[in-house]
N, C-alpha and C. Protein backbone atom coordinates (compact mmCIF):
# COMPACT_ATOMS: atom_id res chain seq x y z
N MET A 1 68.44 113.21 91.59
CA MET A 1 69.62 112.55 92.28
C MET A 1 70.67 113.20 91.56
N ALA A 2 71.64 113.48 92.64
CA ALA A 2 72.92 114.44 92.17
C ALA A 2 73.48 113.52 91.52
N LYS A 3 74.36 113.88 90.85
CA LYS A 3 75.72 112.89 89.78
C LYS A 3 77.04 113.03 90.97
N LYS A 4 77.50 111.78 90.82
CA LYS A 4 78.99 112.08 91.20
C LYS A 4 79.85 112.61 90.50
N LYS A 5 80.62 113.54 91.50
CA LYS A 5 81.25 114.48 90.83
C LYS A 5 82.90 113.55 90.42
N LEU A 6 83.39 113.77 89.25
CA LEU A 6 84.89 113.07 88.70
C LEU A 6 85.69 113.79 89.09
N ASN A 7 86.46 113.45 90.06
CA ASN A 7 87.78 114.20 90.48
C ASN A 7 89.13 113.92 89.70
N SER A 8 89.18 112.41 89.07
CA SER A 8 90.49 112.21 88.68
C SER A 8 89.95 110.97 87.38
N LEU A 9 90.98 110.60 86.91
CA LEU A 9 90.49 109.68 85.65
C LEU A 9 90.44 108.31 86.13
N GLU A 10 90.65 107.88 87.17
CA GLU A 10 90.28 106.67 87.69
C GLU A 10 88.64 106.93 87.90
N ASP A 11 88.08 107.63 88.02
CA ASP A 11 86.55 107.89 88.32
C ASP A 11 85.73 107.58 86.91
N LEU A 12 86.61 107.25 85.67
CA LEU A 12 86.10 106.95 84.65
C LEU A 12 86.01 105.92 84.21
N GLY A 13 86.59 105.01 85.02
CA GLY A 13 86.82 103.40 84.93
C GLY A 13 88.20 103.01 84.63
N GLY A 14 89.11 103.82 84.43
CA GLY A 14 90.48 103.27 83.85
C GLY A 14 90.63 103.24 82.58
N PHE A 15 89.94 103.77 81.65
CA PHE A 15 89.93 103.71 80.19
C PHE A 15 91.00 104.85 79.93
N VAL A 16 91.68 104.56 78.41
CA VAL A 16 92.75 105.28 78.13
C VAL A 16 92.21 105.34 76.71
N PHE A 17 92.21 106.83 76.43
CA PHE A 17 92.02 106.86 75.16
C PHE A 17 93.05 107.88 74.40
N SER A 18 93.38 107.66 73.18
CA SER A 18 94.58 108.55 72.48
C SER A 18 94.15 108.59 71.22
N THR A 19 94.40 109.78 70.58
CA THR A 19 94.16 110.24 69.12
C THR A 19 95.38 109.92 68.46
N ASN A 20 96.52 109.11 69.13
CA ASN A 20 97.64 108.87 68.02
C ASN A 20 97.60 107.82 67.64
N ASP A 21 98.35 107.59 66.62
CA ASP A 21 97.79 106.34 65.71
C ASP A 21 99.12 105.44 66.10
N ASP A 22 99.98 106.16 66.65
CA ASP A 22 101.31 105.12 66.96
C ASP A 22 101.32 104.64 68.63
N PHE A 23 100.07 104.97 69.05
CA PHE A 23 99.89 104.60 70.48
C PHE A 23 100.11 103.36 70.85
N GLU A 24 101.09 102.80 71.68
CA GLU A 24 100.81 101.23 72.30
C GLU A 24 100.94 101.34 73.97
N LEU A 25 100.20 100.43 74.22
CA LEU A 25 99.76 100.56 75.67
C LEU A 25 101.01 99.80 76.37
N GLU A 26 101.52 100.45 77.33
CA GLU A 26 102.43 99.74 78.21
C GLU A 26 102.12 98.67 78.84
N ASN A 27 102.70 97.41 78.87
CA ASN A 27 102.50 96.13 79.40
C ASN A 27 102.98 96.25 80.71
N GLU A 28 102.39 95.66 81.75
CA GLU A 28 102.99 95.61 83.28
C GLU A 28 104.03 94.30 83.07
N THR A 29 105.37 94.72 83.35
CA THR A 29 106.47 93.78 83.19
C THR A 29 106.05 92.79 84.46
N VAL A 30 106.19 91.33 84.19
CA VAL A 30 106.10 90.47 85.14
C VAL A 30 107.47 90.28 85.65
N GLU A 31 107.81 90.43 87.17
CA GLU A 31 108.93 90.37 87.68
C GLU A 31 109.15 88.74 87.90
N ASP A 32 110.41 88.28 87.54
CA ASP A 32 110.76 86.89 87.87
C ASP A 32 111.16 86.71 89.12
N THR A 33 110.73 85.83 89.44
CA THR A 33 111.32 85.33 90.97
C THR A 33 112.89 85.11 91.08
N LEU A 34 113.45 85.81 92.18
CA LEU A 34 114.85 85.93 92.50
C LEU A 34 114.99 84.45 93.28
N VAL A 35 116.12 83.60 93.12
CA VAL A 35 116.03 82.47 93.38
C VAL A 35 116.64 82.90 95.05
N PRO A 36 116.39 81.85 96.27
CA PRO A 36 116.21 82.27 97.44
C PRO A 36 117.47 82.87 97.94
N LYS A 37 118.92 82.43 97.42
CA LYS A 37 119.97 83.06 97.99
C LYS A 37 120.25 84.46 97.59
N GLU A 38 119.64 84.93 96.37
CA GLU A 38 119.29 86.27 96.05
C GLU A 38 118.46 86.85 96.71
N GLN A 39 117.69 86.65 97.43
CA GLN A 39 116.47 87.35 98.32
C GLN A 39 117.15 87.80 99.42
N HIS A 40 116.63 89.22 99.75
CA HIS A 40 117.20 89.90 100.89
C HIS A 40 115.71 90.11 101.60
N LEU A 41 115.43 89.32 102.52
CA LEU A 41 114.30 89.55 103.45
C LEU A 41 114.44 90.14 104.64
N GLU A 42 113.27 90.69 105.32
CA GLU A 42 113.45 91.28 106.70
C GLU A 42 112.25 90.97 107.19
N ALA A 43 112.20 90.05 108.55
CA ALA A 43 111.36 89.93 109.50
C ALA A 43 111.01 90.88 110.38
N HIS A 44 109.74 91.74 110.26
CA HIS A 44 109.50 92.62 110.97
C HIS A 44 108.36 92.21 112.12
N PHE A 45 108.56 92.91 113.29
CA PHE A 45 107.31 92.74 114.44
C PHE A 45 106.06 93.60 114.20
N SER A 46 105.14 93.83 114.11
CA SER A 46 104.15 94.78 114.22
C SER A 46 102.70 94.66 114.91
N ASN A 47 102.40 95.71 115.50
CA ASN A 47 100.83 95.65 116.07
C ASN A 47 100.14 96.86 115.59
N LYS A 48 100.45 97.59 114.63
CA LYS A 48 99.92 98.63 114.34
C LYS A 48 98.58 98.38 113.48
N GLY A 49 97.44 99.02 113.72
CA GLY A 49 96.61 99.09 112.59
C GLY A 49 96.04 97.80 112.68
N ARG A 50 96.07 97.07 113.51
CA ARG A 50 95.55 95.63 113.63
C ARG A 50 94.75 95.36 115.02
N GLY A 51 94.15 96.62 115.73
CA GLY A 51 93.58 96.37 116.95
C GLY A 51 94.19 95.72 117.86
N GLY A 52 95.60 95.98 117.90
CA GLY A 52 96.73 95.53 118.92
C GLY A 52 97.01 93.94 118.80
N LYS A 53 96.54 93.51 118.01
CA LYS A 53 97.11 92.10 117.60
C LYS A 53 98.25 92.31 117.04
N VAL A 54 99.16 91.06 117.42
CA VAL A 54 100.48 91.14 117.52
C VAL A 54 100.65 90.17 115.83
N VAL A 55 101.47 90.70 115.05
CA VAL A 55 101.84 89.99 113.70
C VAL A 55 103.29 90.31 113.33
N THR A 56 103.83 89.10 112.57
CA THR A 56 105.28 89.03 112.05
C THR A 56 105.31 89.28 110.64
N VAL A 57 105.59 90.56 109.90
CA VAL A 57 105.55 90.63 108.73
C VAL A 57 107.16 90.50 107.74
N VAL A 58 106.99 89.94 106.77
CA VAL A 58 108.14 89.46 106.16
C VAL A 58 108.03 90.36 104.94
N LYS A 59 109.09 91.25 104.62
CA LYS A 59 108.93 92.37 103.77
C LYS A 59 110.32 92.03 102.40
N GLY A 60 109.95 92.48 101.23
CA GLY A 60 111.40 92.67 100.56
C GLY A 60 111.59 91.27 99.70
N PHE A 61 110.54 90.66 99.56
CA PHE A 61 110.38 89.43 98.83
C PHE A 61 110.36 89.93 97.28
N VAL A 62 111.20 89.38 96.31
CA VAL A 62 111.30 90.23 94.60
C VAL A 62 110.92 88.65 94.21
N GLY A 63 109.33 88.92 93.28
CA GLY A 63 108.89 87.64 92.32
C GLY A 63 107.46 87.79 92.46
N THR A 64 107.14 86.49 91.71
CA THR A 64 105.76 86.45 91.06
C THR A 64 104.66 86.35 92.51
N GLU A 65 103.72 87.19 92.39
CA GLU A 65 102.34 86.83 93.62
C GLU A 65 102.49 85.29 93.71
N ASP A 66 102.15 84.40 92.72
CA ASP A 66 102.15 82.92 93.17
C ASP A 66 103.51 82.76 93.92
N ASP A 67 104.48 82.73 93.57
CA ASP A 67 105.58 82.38 94.76
C ASP A 67 105.54 83.15 96.08
N LEU A 68 105.25 84.24 96.03
CA LEU A 68 105.18 84.84 97.40
C LEU A 68 103.95 84.35 98.26
N LYS A 69 102.60 83.75 97.59
CA LYS A 69 101.58 83.08 98.38
C LYS A 69 102.28 81.56 98.70
N ALA A 70 103.10 80.95 97.93
CA ALA A 70 103.65 79.69 98.26
C ALA A 70 104.52 79.55 99.79
N LEU A 71 105.33 80.92 99.69
CA LEU A 71 106.10 81.18 100.39
C LEU A 71 105.49 81.26 101.82
N GLY A 72 104.36 82.16 101.66
CA GLY A 72 103.56 82.49 102.65
C GLY A 72 102.84 81.08 103.44
N LYS A 73 102.73 80.28 102.40
CA LYS A 73 101.97 79.07 102.88
C LYS A 73 102.77 78.19 103.52
N LEU A 74 103.82 78.34 103.05
CA LEU A 74 105.00 77.36 103.55
C LEU A 74 105.23 77.71 105.18
N LEU A 75 105.35 79.32 105.56
CA LEU A 75 105.78 79.83 106.76
C LEU A 75 104.27 79.57 107.72
N LYS A 76 102.90 79.89 106.91
CA LYS A 76 101.97 79.42 107.61
C LYS A 76 102.16 78.00 108.27
N VAL A 77 102.05 77.00 107.60
CA VAL A 77 102.11 75.69 107.70
C VAL A 77 103.35 75.27 108.88
N LYS A 78 104.66 75.79 108.80
CA LYS A 78 105.65 75.43 109.62
C LYS A 78 105.28 76.19 110.85
N CYS A 79 104.37 77.10 110.90
CA CYS A 79 104.08 78.05 112.02
C CYS A 79 102.97 77.64 112.94
N GLY A 80 102.30 76.97 112.05
CA GLY A 80 100.83 76.53 112.62
C GLY A 80 99.72 77.58 112.88
N VAL A 81 100.04 78.75 112.17
CA VAL A 81 99.30 79.84 112.47
C VAL A 81 98.68 80.21 111.02
N GLY A 82 97.92 81.26 111.31
CA GLY A 82 97.24 81.82 109.93
C GLY A 82 97.84 83.18 109.43
N GLY A 83 97.76 83.58 108.12
CA GLY A 83 98.14 84.76 107.70
C GLY A 83 97.70 85.22 106.49
N SER A 84 98.61 86.13 105.76
CA SER A 84 98.05 86.13 104.37
C SER A 84 99.48 86.76 103.94
N ALA A 85 99.22 86.83 102.51
CA ALA A 85 100.63 87.11 101.68
C ALA A 85 99.76 87.98 100.29
N LYS A 86 100.47 89.10 100.17
CA LYS A 86 99.98 90.17 99.17
C LYS A 86 100.85 91.32 98.96
N ASP A 87 100.87 92.21 97.96
CA ASP A 87 101.75 93.06 97.94
C ASP A 87 103.01 93.34 98.45
N GLY A 88 103.59 91.87 98.20
CA GLY A 88 104.85 91.68 98.27
C GLY A 88 105.38 91.71 99.57
N GLU A 89 104.17 91.72 100.92
CA GLU A 89 104.47 91.40 102.07
C GLU A 89 103.90 89.91 102.49
N ILE A 90 104.37 89.25 103.45
CA ILE A 90 103.91 88.24 104.19
C ILE A 90 103.31 88.39 105.66
N ILE A 91 102.18 88.40 106.06
CA ILE A 91 101.65 88.65 107.18
C ILE A 91 101.58 87.30 107.95
N ILE A 92 102.16 87.08 108.86
CA ILE A 92 101.98 85.92 109.76
C ILE A 92 101.41 86.38 111.45
N GLN A 93 100.33 85.81 111.43
CA GLN A 93 99.74 86.02 112.70
C GLN A 93 100.40 85.56 114.28
N GLY A 94 100.80 86.41 115.01
CA GLY A 94 101.80 86.27 116.13
C GLY A 94 103.18 86.59 115.84
N ASN A 95 103.92 86.31 117.09
CA ASN A 95 105.21 86.94 117.27
C ASN A 95 106.20 85.51 116.87
N TYR A 96 106.47 85.41 115.67
CA TYR A 96 106.80 84.31 115.18
C TYR A 96 108.41 84.84 114.49
N ARG A 97 108.82 85.80 114.60
CA ARG A 97 110.38 86.21 113.90
C ARG A 97 111.14 85.29 114.01
N ASP A 98 111.52 84.97 114.92
CA ASP A 98 112.82 84.23 115.62
C ASP A 98 112.62 82.60 114.68
N LYS A 99 111.60 82.16 114.80
CA LYS A 99 110.98 80.91 113.96
C LYS A 99 111.04 80.95 112.54
N ILE A 100 110.46 82.34 112.04
CA ILE A 100 110.67 82.49 110.80
C ILE A 100 111.87 82.67 109.89
N VAL A 101 112.94 83.34 110.83
CA VAL A 101 114.17 83.88 110.43
C VAL A 101 114.97 82.22 110.44
N GLN A 102 114.58 81.50 111.12
CA GLN A 102 115.30 80.23 110.92
C GLN A 102 114.63 78.95 109.74
N ILE A 103 113.41 79.45 109.63
CA ILE A 103 112.69 78.54 108.66
C ILE A 103 113.42 79.18 107.05
N LEU A 104 113.30 80.40 107.14
CA LEU A 104 113.64 81.00 105.85
C LEU A 104 115.04 80.71 105.58
N GLU A 105 116.27 80.92 106.52
CA GLU A 105 117.38 80.58 106.40
C GLU A 105 117.80 79.18 106.01
N LYS A 106 116.78 78.33 106.62
CA LYS A 106 117.17 76.83 106.33
C LYS A 106 116.72 76.66 104.73
N GLU A 107 115.54 77.36 104.20
CA GLU A 107 115.18 77.69 102.75
C GLU A 107 116.20 77.94 101.98
N GLY A 108 117.14 78.67 102.31
CA GLY A 108 118.25 79.45 101.70
C GLY A 108 117.99 80.88 101.38
N TYR A 109 117.13 81.62 102.25
CA TYR A 109 116.89 82.87 101.99
C TYR A 109 117.99 84.05 103.08
N ASN A 110 118.04 84.81 102.13
CA ASN A 110 118.91 85.87 103.31
C ASN A 110 118.03 86.57 103.99
N VAL A 111 118.04 86.52 105.22
CA VAL A 111 116.81 87.06 106.07
C VAL A 111 117.48 87.73 107.08
N LYS A 112 117.28 89.12 107.49
CA LYS A 112 117.21 90.06 108.66
C LYS A 112 116.32 89.92 109.55
N ARG A 113 116.59 89.80 111.10
CA ARG A 113 115.18 89.97 112.03
C ARG A 113 115.70 91.78 112.14
N VAL A 114 114.70 92.42 111.95
CA VAL A 114 114.49 93.88 112.28
C VAL A 114 113.65 94.39 113.25
N GLY A 115 114.09 95.18 114.35
CA GLY A 115 113.59 95.74 115.20
C GLY A 115 113.60 95.16 116.34
N GLY A 116 113.24 95.57 117.70
CA GLY A 116 113.43 95.03 119.22
C GLY A 116 114.11 93.68 119.07
């Protein structure tokens, strides 16, 4: 059985080894969530990479993953559809751009409708 070729450090499992006695692991900083009036969100329409299915993508959220998911849940409930929230984006199934802009503005967010 052939061994898998290691092409990068990630192939080793993400371990870091240092001979430096003063080495300190850099901790990822957790971004605090900005208040809604300081957020600048964009509502995009997209159907690329989804088998022709239409979605509305909300981009530009600055904050924790939990707050992003909470905002995503609010939008999904208000629109009555499914979706997901991850990697700083909220994806809502269907073309609900105008409705999402209204909901976000009512919640105090600065939101811009982007595209067509």
